[in-house]
C-alpha atoms as a PDB file:
ATOM      1  CA  MET A   1      13.965  22.957  -6.886  1.00  0.00           C
ATOM      2  CA  ALA A   2      12.815  20.029  -7.363  1.00  0.00           C
ATOM      3  CA  THR A   3      12.791  17.258  -4.734  1.00  0.00           C
ATOM      4  CA  THR A   4      14.241  13.607  -4.580  1.00  0.00           C
ATOM      5  CA  THR A   5      10.551  12.571  -4.541  1.00  0.00           C
ATOM      6  CA  THR A   6       9.247  15.123  -7.476  1.00  0.00           C
ATOM      7  CA  ALA A   7      12.105  14.073  -9.775  1.00  0.00           C
ATOM      8  CA  PHE A   8      11.090  10.407  -9.151  1.00  0.00           C
ATOM      9  CA  LEU A   9       7.977  10.717 -10.192  1.00  0.00           C
ATOM     10  CA  ASP A  10       8.613  13.243 -13.225  1.00  0.00           C
ATOM     11  CA  ARG A  11      10.446  10.197 -14.300  1.00  0.00           C
ATOM     12  CA  ILE A  12       7.722   7.592 -13.777  1.00  0.00           C
ATOM     13  CA  TYR A  13       5.335   9.923 -15.983  1.00  0.00           C
ATOM     14  CA  ASP A  14       8.295  10.571 -18.154  1.00  0.00           C
ATOM     15  CA  GLU A  15       8.770   7.375 -19.015  1.00  0.00           C
ATOM     16  CA  ALA A  16       5.045   6.392 -19.184  1.00  0.00           C
ATOM     17  CA  LYS A  17       4.640   9.594 -21.744  1.00  0.00           C
ATOM     18  CA  HIS A  18       7.590   8.589 -23.827  1.00  0.00           C
ATOM     19  CA  LEU A  19       6.414   4.936 -24.244  1.00  0.00           C
ATOM     20  CA  LEU A  20       2.722   5.729 -24.745  1.00  0.00           C
ATOM     21  CA  GLY A  21       4.538   7.787 -27.434  1.00  0.00           C
ATOM     22  CA  GLU A  22       6.553   4.700 -29.131  1.00  0.00           C
ATOM     23  CA  ALA A  23       3.347   2.819 -28.746  1.00  0.00           C
ATOM     24  CA  ARG A  24       1.368   5.349 -30.678  1.00  0.00           C
ATOM     25  CA  GLU A  25       3.926   5.477 -33.642  1.00  0.00           C
ATOM     26  CA  TYR A  26       4.400   1.276 -33.737  1.00  0.00           C
ATOM     27  CA  MET A  27       0.397   1.587 -33.772  1.00  0.00           C
ATOM     28  CA  ARG A  28       0.302   3.884 -36.339  1.00  0.00           C
ATOM     29  CA  ASP A  29       3.033   2.502 -38.829  1.00  0.00           C
ATOM     30  CA  GLN A  30       4.025  -0.923 -38.208  1.00  0.00           C
ATOM     31  CA  GLU A  31       1.677  -2.408 -36.643  1.00  0.00           C
ATOM     32  CA  PRO A  32      -1.168  -2.607 -39.733  1.00  0.00           C
ATOM     33  CA  LEU A  33       1.430  -4.486 -41.542  1.00  0.00           C
ATOM     34  CA  ASP A  34       2.142  -6.423 -38.772  1.00  0.00           C
ATOM     35  CA  ARG A  35      -0.602  -7.233 -38.280  1.00  0.00           C
ATOM     36  CA  ALA A  36      -1.564  -7.946 -41.833  1.00  0.00           C
ATOM     37  CA  ALA A  37       0.815 -10.802 -42.219  1.00  0.00           C
ATOM     38  CA  MET A  38      -0.440 -12.607 -39.277  1.00  0.00           C
ATOM     39  CA  ALA A  39      -3.136 -15.242 -38.968  1.00  0.00           C
ATOM     40  CA  PRO A  40      -6.885 -13.643 -38.146  1.00  0.00           C
ATOM     41  CA  ASP A  41      -6.290 -14.681 -34.247  1.00  0.00           C
ATOM     42  CA  ASP A  42      -2.889 -13.893 -33.664  1.00  0.00           C
ATOM     43  CA  ALA A  43      -3.863 -10.509 -34.909  1.00  0.00           C
ATOM     44  CA  LEU A  44      -7.007 -10.194 -32.698  1.00  0.00           C
ATOM     45  CA  ARG A  45      -4.671 -11.093 -30.050  1.00  0.00           C
ATOM     46  CA  ALA A  46      -2.071  -8.231 -31.031  1.00  0.00           C
ATOM     47  CA  LEU A  47      -4.829  -5.653 -31.081  1.00  0.00           C
ATOM     48  CA  GLY A  48      -5.684  -6.549 -27.427  1.00  0.00           C
ATOM     49  CA  GLU A  49      -2.365  -6.749 -26.322  1.00  0.00           C
ATOM     50  CA  GLY A  50      -2.312  -3.388 -28.059  1.00  0.00           C
ATOM     51  CA  MET A  51      -4.870  -2.092 -25.734  1.00  0.00           C
ATOM     52  CA  ARG A  52      -3.337  -3.702 -22.701  1.00  0.00           C
ATOM     53  CA  VAL A  53      -0.170  -1.512 -23.521  1.00  0.00           C
ATOM     54  CA  ALA A  54      -2.141   1.656 -23.551  1.00  0.00           C
ATOM     55  CA  ALA A  55      -4.127   0.490 -20.240  1.00  0.00           C
ATOM     56  CA  ARG A  56      -0.586   0.363 -18.568  1.00  0.00           C
ATOM     57  CA  LEU A  57       0.974   3.192 -19.729  1.00  0.00           C
ATOM     58  CA  THR A  58      -2.520   5.715 -19.250  1.00  0.00           C
ATOM     59  CA  GLU A  59      -3.009   4.170 -15.741  1.00  0.00           C
ATOM     60  CA  VAL A  60       0.455   5.184 -14.104  1.00  0.00           C
ATOM     61  CA  MET A  61       0.213   8.505 -15.733  1.00  0.00           C
ATOM     62  CA  ALA A  62      -2.934   8.931 -14.402  1.00  0.00           C
ATOM     63  CA  TRP A  63      -0.882   8.197 -11.199  1.00  0.00           C
ATOM     64  CA  GLY A  64       1.886   9.838 -11.751  1.00  0.00           C
ATOM     65  CA  MET A  65      -0.275  13.372 -11.935  1.00  0.00           C
ATOM     66  CA  THR A  66      -1.684  12.294  -8.903  1.00  0.00           C
ATOM     67  CA  GLN A  67       1.304  11.774  -6.706  1.00  0.00           C
ATOM     68  CA  GLN A  68       2.458  15.356  -8.306  1.00  0.00           C
ATOM     69  CA  SER A  69      -0.183  17.026  -7.341  1.00  0.00           C
ATOM     70  CA  LEU A  70       0.106  15.699  -3.627  1.00  0.00           C
ATOM     71  CA  HIS A  71       3.498  16.524  -3.600  1.00  0.00           C
ATOM     72  CA  ALA A  72       2.545  19.959  -5.205  1.00  0.00           C
ATOM     73  CA  GLY A  73       0.114  20.373  -1.786  1.00  0.00           C
ATOM     74  CA  GLU A  74      -2.866  20.476  -4.451  1.00  0.00           C
ATOM     75  CA  ILE A  75      -4.381  17.849  -2.514  1.00  0.00           C
ATOM     76  CA  SER A  76      -3.964  15.979   0.561  1.00  0.00           C
ATOM     77  CA  ARG A  77      -2.676  12.671   1.430  1.00  0.00           C
ATOM     78  CA  ASP A  78      -6.048  11.560   2.089  1.00  0.00           C
ATOM     79  CA  GLU A  79      -7.505  12.337  -1.320  1.00  0.00           C
ATOM     80  CA  ALA A  80      -4.101  11.202  -2.984  1.00  0.00           C
ATOM     81  CA  ALA A  81      -5.075   7.647  -0.854  1.00  0.00           C
ATOM     82  CA  ASP A  82      -8.783   7.478  -2.340  1.00  0.00           C
ATOM     83  CA  PRO A  83      -9.213   4.394  -4.353  1.00  0.00           C
ATOM     84  CA  ARG A  84     -10.762   5.951  -7.332  1.00  0.00           C
ATOM     85  CA  ARG A  85      -7.591   8.312  -7.677  1.00  0.00           C
ATOM     86  CA  ARG A  86      -4.750   5.103  -6.307  1.00  0.00           C
ATOM     87  CA  LEU A  87      -3.386   2.880  -9.827  1.00  0.00           C
ATOM     88  CA  GLY A  88      -6.134   1.610 -11.286  1.00  0.00           C
ATOM     89  CA  GLY A  89      -6.972  -0.899 -14.008  1.00  0.00           C
ATOM     90  CA  GLN A  90      -4.955  -4.013 -11.892  1.00  0.00           C
ATOM     91  CA  LYS A  91      -7.201  -6.644 -13.294  1.00  0.00           C
ATOM     92  CA  ILE A  92      -6.815  -5.958 -16.978  1.00  0.00           C
ATOM     93  CA  CYS A  93      -2.781  -4.561 -16.871  1.00  0.00           C
ATOM     94  CA  LEU A  94      -1.824  -7.305 -14.642  1.00  0.00           C
ATOM     95  CA  GLU A  95      -3.232 -10.468 -16.746  1.00  0.00           C
ATOM     96  CA  GLN A  96      -1.540 -12.368 -18.398  1.00  0.00           C
ATOM     97  CA  PRO A  97      -0.999 -12.357 -22.683  1.00  0.00           C
ATOM     98  CA  LEU A  98      -3.572 -13.610 -24.154  1.00  0.00           C
ATOM     99  CA  PRO A  99      -3.042 -17.240 -25.207  1.00  0.00           C
ATOM    100  CA  GLY A 100      -2.145 -18.104 -28.764  1.00  0.00           C
ATOM    101  CA  GLU A 101      -0.593 -20.117 -31.455  1.00  0.00           C
ATOM    102  CA  GLY A 102       1.933 -17.536 -32.887  1.00  0.00           C
ATOM    103  CA  GLU A 103       4.114 -15.221 -31.157  1.00  0.00           C
ATOM    104  CA  MET A 104       3.726 -11.358 -30.895  1.00  0.00           C
ATOM    105  CA  PRO A 105       5.690  -9.017 -33.351  1.00  0.00           C
ATOM    106  CA  PRO A 106       9.190  -8.052 -31.535  1.00  0.00           C
ATOM    107  CA  LYS A 107       8.123  -4.341 -31.424  1.00  0.00           C
ATOM    108  CA  LEU A 108       4.484  -4.862 -29.533  1.00  0.00           C
ATOM    109  CA  GLY A 109       6.623  -7.769 -27.311  1.00  0.00           C
ATOM    110  CA  GLU A 110       9.252  -5.197 -26.055  1.00  0.00           C
ATOM    111  CA  LEU A 111       6.398  -2.494 -25.743  1.00  0.00           C
ATOM    112  CA  MET A 112       4.530  -5.419 -23.745  1.00  0.00           C
ATOM    113  CA  ARG A 113       7.780  -6.188 -21.536  1.00  0.00           C
ATOM    114  CA  LEU A 114       8.114  -2.397 -20.559  1.00  0.00           C
ATOM    115  CA  SER A 115       5.072  -1.038 -19.970  1.00  0.00           C
ATOM    116  CA  LEU A 116       4.734  -4.256 -17.807  1.00  0.00           C
ATOM    117  CA  SER A 117       7.716  -3.718 -15.333  1.00  0.00           C
ATOM    118  CA  LEU A 118       6.815   0.237 -15.411  1.00  0.00           C
ATOM    119  CA  TYR A 119       3.285  -0.535 -13.637  1.00  0.00           C
ATOM    120  CA  LEU A 120       4.834  -3.008 -11.555  1.00  0.00           C
ATOM    121  CA  ARG A 121       7.046  -0.511 -10.218  1.00  0.00           C
ATOM    122  CA  ALA A 122       4.375   1.892  -9.951  1.00  0.00           C
ATOM    123  CA  GLN A 123       2.502  -0.802  -8.228  1.00  0.00           C
ATOM    124  CA  ARG A 124       5.033  -0.845  -5.448  1.00  0.00           C
ATOM    125  CA  LEU A 125       4.945   2.837  -5.449  1.00  0.00           C
ATOM    126  CA  ASP A 126       1.585   3.011  -4.614  1.00  0.00           C
ATOM    127  CA  ARG A 127       1.520   0.160  -2.007  1.00  0.00           C
ATOM    128  CA  LEU A 128       3.844   2.149  -0.707  1.00  0.00           C
ATOM    129  CA  VAL A 129       2.421   5.283  -0.688  1.00  0.00           C
ATOM    130  CA  ALA A 130      -0.617   3.813   0.500  1.00  0.00           C
ATOM    131  CA  GLY A 131       1.251   2.694   4.094  1.00  0.00           C
ATOM    132  CA  GLU A 132       0.384  -0.982   2.528  1.00  0.00           C
ATOM    133  CA  GLU A 133       2.686  -4.065   3.418  1.00  0.00           C
ATOM    134  CA  MET A 134       5.426  -5.584   0.909  1.00  0.00           C
ATOM    135  CA  GLN A 135       6.956  -8.431  -0.138  1.00  0.00           C
ATOM    136  CA  PHE A 136      10.828  -8.324  -0.922  1.00  0.00           C
ATOM    137  CA  GLY A 137      12.413 -11.553  -0.680  1.00  0.00           C
ATOM    138  CA  SER A 138      12.476 -13.041   2.082  1.00  0.00           C
ATOM    139  CA  PHE A 139      11.406  -9.872   3.440  1.00  0.00           C
ATOM    140  CA  GLN A 140       8.345  -8.512   4.868  1.00  0.00           C
ATOM    141  CA  ILE A 141       8.529  -4.933   4.730  1.00  0.00           C
ATOM    142  CA  CYS A 142       5.566  -2.025   6.770  1.00  0.00           C
ATOM    143  CA  ILE A 143       5.653   0.762   6.278  1.00  0.00           C
ATOM    144  CA  ALA A 144       3.075   3.290   8.272  1.00  0.00           C
ATOM    145  CA  THR A 145       3.981   6.561   9.488  1.00  0.00           C
ATOM    146  CA  SER A 146       1.857   7.523  12.561  1.00  0.00           C
ATOM    147  CA  ILE A 147       2.269  11.614  14.082  1.00  0.00           C
ATOM    148  CA  SER A 148       2.135  11.607  17.445  1.00  0.00           C
ATOM    149  CA  ALA A 149       2.165  15.702  17.833  1.00  0.00           C
ATOM    150  CA  PRO A 150      -0.338  18.364  17.263  1.00  0.00           C
ATOM    151  CA  ALA A 151      -0.901  19.292  14.251  1.00  0.00           C
ATOM    152  CA  ASP A 152      -0.060  22.882  14.854  1.00  0.00           C
ATOM    153  CA  GLN A 153       3.301  22.177  16.022  1.00  0.00           C
ATOM    154  CA  ALA A 154       6.132  22.962  13.955  1.00  0.00           C
ATOM    155  CA  GLN A 155       8.104  19.028  14.343  1.00  0.00           C
ATOM    156  CA  ALA A 156       5.881  16.391  14.215  1.00  0.00           C
ATOM    157  CA  ARG A 157       7.794  13.128  14.865  1.00  0.00           C
ATOM    158  CA  VAL A 158       7.155  10.027  12.817  1.00  0.00           C
ATOM    159  CA  ALA A 159       7.676   6.859  13.617  1.00  0.00           C
ATOM    160  CA  PRO A 160      10.220   5.008  11.850  1.00  0.00           C
ATOM    161  CA  PRO A 161       9.579   2.068   9.509  1.00  0.00           C
ATOM    162  CA  GLN A 162       9.536  -1.324  10.682  1.00  0.00           C
ATOM    163  CA  ILE A 163      11.116  -4.121   8.854  1.00  0.00           C
ATOM    164  CA  LEU A 164       9.653  -7.738   9.476  1.00  0.00           C
ATOM    165  CA  GLN A 165      10.920 -10.396   8.996  1.00  0.00           C
ATOM    166  CA  ALA A 166       8.788 -13.400   7.097  1.00  0.00           C
END
């Protein structure tokens, strides 16, 4: 039986997989037609943004697989927290769209928005899982857990989240 956490992670993974399928279909079927109707510089920008969409989605899928492995007990929390297993590609994935004169084709623009939204959700969860501080509006929250009982005891006490106002 799936827990709420694993079901949530499965949805993120499934959403990334679905969007990657949509992106593949767009790149295979519609993108060549859109690119043919564009100025050369705009066509090059569109290709670059298509690659950014693919990078975002594959990074989210890889991160989701790591989280699934963690919750299935296949890897430890320390292994999951290794920088190589955290959500990667932030320099590319969070960069603003390439500047240019023309607008992106509508389907590519939609994929750009949806992939960025999904990547940002995964980034917030990655930070939360890693115990980093996060900012929510005018509130700052730091989620940190500390085990105060020996590991061999059946029940470990976990410190409650600390909520600090900025």
